Every structure is written in C-alpha cells, then in structure tokens.
Amino acid sequence: MFRRTFWFTTGVATGVWATTKVNRKLKQLTPEHLAVTAANRAIDAGHRLKDRAVGFALDVRENMARREAELDDALGLNAPVDRELPEARHHTAIENRSNPKSVDNDRTTYSYNRNEDF
C-alpha cells in the first residue's frame, strides 16, 4: 500500500510540475510577451551600443588632444613668445574725398569706375 501511495504522489507532483512548466512556456510564446521581450532586448542593446559609442568618442577626443599637443610641440607653437606684437595698422579701404584729412596730395589716386574714359 505504501508503494502505491508513493508512486501516486510522485506522479501527481510530476504532473503539476510539468503543467506549470508548459503553462509558463505558453505564456512566453504569446504575441504580447514576445513583443515585450523583443522591446526590452532592443532597449538593452541600444544602451550597450550607446555606452560603447560614448567610450569610443571619449577615446577619440583624448587621443586627438594628445596628438594635437604633439604636433604643437613639433611645430614650436607652445614655445613662449619673447617679442611684442606690432601695433595694429589702420588703412582706409576706400578714400573719402570729401574728408580733407584722408586725401594725400602726394599720392596718385585711381578711379574705381571702369566705365570712365581715360
């Protein structure tokens, strides 16, 4: 009698376990669950891709700054400047003939009018 009870209990437990497993798998195969799973995996993949892209961009910036410093040293652009810069020069682009200060009598002036006869 004890053997029958043991095997009956074992069969019931196995049936409950198998039914639970099958029901879980069926729920995982519903279209809604598949859509949610796919969306979650896509989001995770996007986050991993973004992290890799940010890491790559930071590496590029770091190496670019290092290389730029190397080139500046090679070209002597980081050397201290010992001389003073010259003063700014002011030139008039077009002479104002009505202003007597801007007209130099010593210089020959040319007309920019190309339709004028010589």
Protein backbone atom coordinates (compact mmCIF):
# COMPACT_ATOMS: atom_id res chain seq x y z
CA MET A 1 0.00 0.00 0.00
CA PHE A 2 2.85 2.37 0.83
CA ARG A 3 4.39 1.82 -2.63
CA ARG A 4 1.18 2.77 -4.39
CA THR A 5 0.84 5.94 -2.34
CA PHE A 6 4.47 6.88 -3.04
CA TRP A 7 4.11 6.41 -6.81
CA PHE A 8 0.75 8.15 -6.90
CA THR A 9 2.20 11.17 -5.04
CA THR A 10 5.25 11.17 -7.30
CA GLY A 11 3.03 11.10 -10.41
CA VAL A 12 0.83 13.95 -9.13
CA ALA A 13 3.89 16.06 -8.28
CA THR A 14 5.42 15.38 -11.69
CA GLY A 15 2.14 16.28 -13.41
CA VAL A 16 1.84 19.57 -11.50
CA TRP A 17 5.45 20.44 -12.24
CA ALA A 18 5.08 19.61 -15.97
CA THR A 19 1.79 21.52 -16.23
CA THR A 20 3.37 24.58 -14.59
CA LYS A 21 6.35 24.45 -16.94
CA VAL A 22 4.15 24.09 -20.04
CA ASN A 23 1.88 26.96 -18.97
CA ARG A 24 4.90 29.24 -18.38
CA LYS A 25 6.28 28.38 -21.80
CA LEU A 26 2.90 29.01 -23.46
CA LYS A 27 2.68 32.43 -21.80
CA GLN A 28 6.19 33.23 -23.07
CA LEU A 29 5.10 32.40 -26.61
CA THR A 30 2.10 34.76 -26.70
CA PRO A 31 2.48 37.68 -29.13
CA GLU A 32 2.25 40.27 -26.36
CA HIS A 33 5.02 38.65 -24.33
CA LEU A 34 7.19 38.22 -27.42
CA ALA A 35 6.76 41.91 -28.26
CA VAL A 36 7.68 42.98 -24.74
CA THR A 37 10.72 40.69 -24.73
CA ALA A 38 11.88 42.00 -28.10
CA ALA A 39 11.43 45.61 -26.97
CA ASN A 40 13.38 45.00 -23.76
CA ARG A 41 16.22 43.35 -25.66
CA ALA A 42 16.30 46.18 -28.19
CA ILE A 43 16.48 48.75 -25.38
CA ASP A 44 19.29 46.82 -23.69
CA ALA A 45 21.17 46.57 -26.98
CA GLY A 46 20.69 50.30 -27.55
CA HIS A 47 22.10 51.10 -24.12
CA ARG A 48 25.12 48.88 -24.73
CA LEU A 49 25.67 50.47 -28.14
CA LYS A 50 25.36 53.98 -26.67
CA ASP A 51 27.86 53.16 -23.93
CA ARG A 52 30.32 51.83 -26.49
CA ALA A 53 29.84 54.88 -28.72
CA VAL A 54 30.38 57.27 -25.80
CA GLY A 55 33.50 55.37 -24.78
CA PHE A 56 34.79 55.48 -28.36
CA ALA A 57 34.11 59.22 -28.63
CA LEU A 58 35.95 59.90 -25.37
CA ASP A 59 38.92 57.83 -26.58
CA VAL A 60 38.98 59.74 -29.87
CA ARG A 61 38.90 63.11 -28.10
CA GLU A 62 41.66 62.09 -25.70
CA ASN A 63 43.91 60.82 -28.50
CA MET A 64 43.10 63.84 -30.66
CA ALA A 65 44.13 66.22 -27.86
CA ARG A 66 47.31 64.23 -27.25
CA ARG A 67 48.22 64.23 -30.95
CA GLU A 68 47.45 67.93 -31.26
CA ALA A 69 49.78 68.65 -28.35
CA GLU A 70 52.49 66.55 -30.04
CA LEU A 71 52.07 68.48 -33.29
CA ASP A 72 52.10 71.82 -31.46
CA ASP A 73 55.37 70.83 -29.77
CA ALA A 74 56.83 69.66 -33.09
CA LEU A 75 55.89 72.94 -34.80
CA GLY A 76 57.01 75.08 -31.87
CA LEU A 77 53.59 76.56 -31.26
CA ASN A 78 53.83 76.01 -27.50
CA ALA A 79 57.09 77.97 -27.21
CA PRO A 80 56.85 81.22 -25.23
CA VAL A 81 56.73 84.37 -27.33
CA ASP A 82 59.61 86.74 -26.50
CA ARG A 83 58.70 89.61 -28.79
CA GLU A 84 55.87 92.05 -28.72
CA LEU A 85 53.25 92.13 -31.41
CA PRO A 86 53.33 95.13 -33.76
CA GLU A 87 50.69 97.79 -33.41
CA ALA A 88 47.57 97.46 -35.48
CA ARG A 89 47.65 99.32 -38.78
CA HIS A 90 44.65 101.23 -39.94
CA HIS A 91 44.13 101.59 -43.67
CA THR A 92 41.17 103.13 -45.35
CA ALA A 93 39.62 100.73 -47.79
CA ILE A 94 38.06 103.48 -49.92
CA GLU A 95 39.21 107.03 -49.75
CA ASN A 96 36.69 109.64 -48.75
CA ARG A 97 37.47 112.57 -51.00
CA SER A 98 35.11 114.88 -49.15
CA ASN A 99 37.17 114.48 -46.00
CA PRO A 100 40.33 116.61 -46.33
CA LYS A 101 42.20 114.50 -43.78
CA SER A 102 42.03 111.36 -45.93
CA VAL A 103 43.31 112.97 -49.13
CA ASP A 104 47.06 112.94 -49.61
CA ASN A 105 48.18 115.30 -52.33
CA ASP A 106 51.42 113.39 -52.79
CA ARG A 107 49.80 110.16 -53.93
CA THR A 108 48.28 109.35 -57.26
CA THR A 109 44.71 108.22 -56.86
CA TYR A 110 42.95 105.89 -59.21
CA SER A 111 39.30 105.76 -60.04
CA TYR A 112 37.46 102.50 -59.47
CA ASN A 113 34.87 103.37 -62.08
CA ARG A 114 35.58 101.11 -65.07
CA ASN A 115 33.09 102.90 -67.30
CA GLU A 116 35.11 106.09 -67.20
CA ASP A 117 37.10 107.07 -70.30
CA PHE A 118 40.77 107.81 -69.86
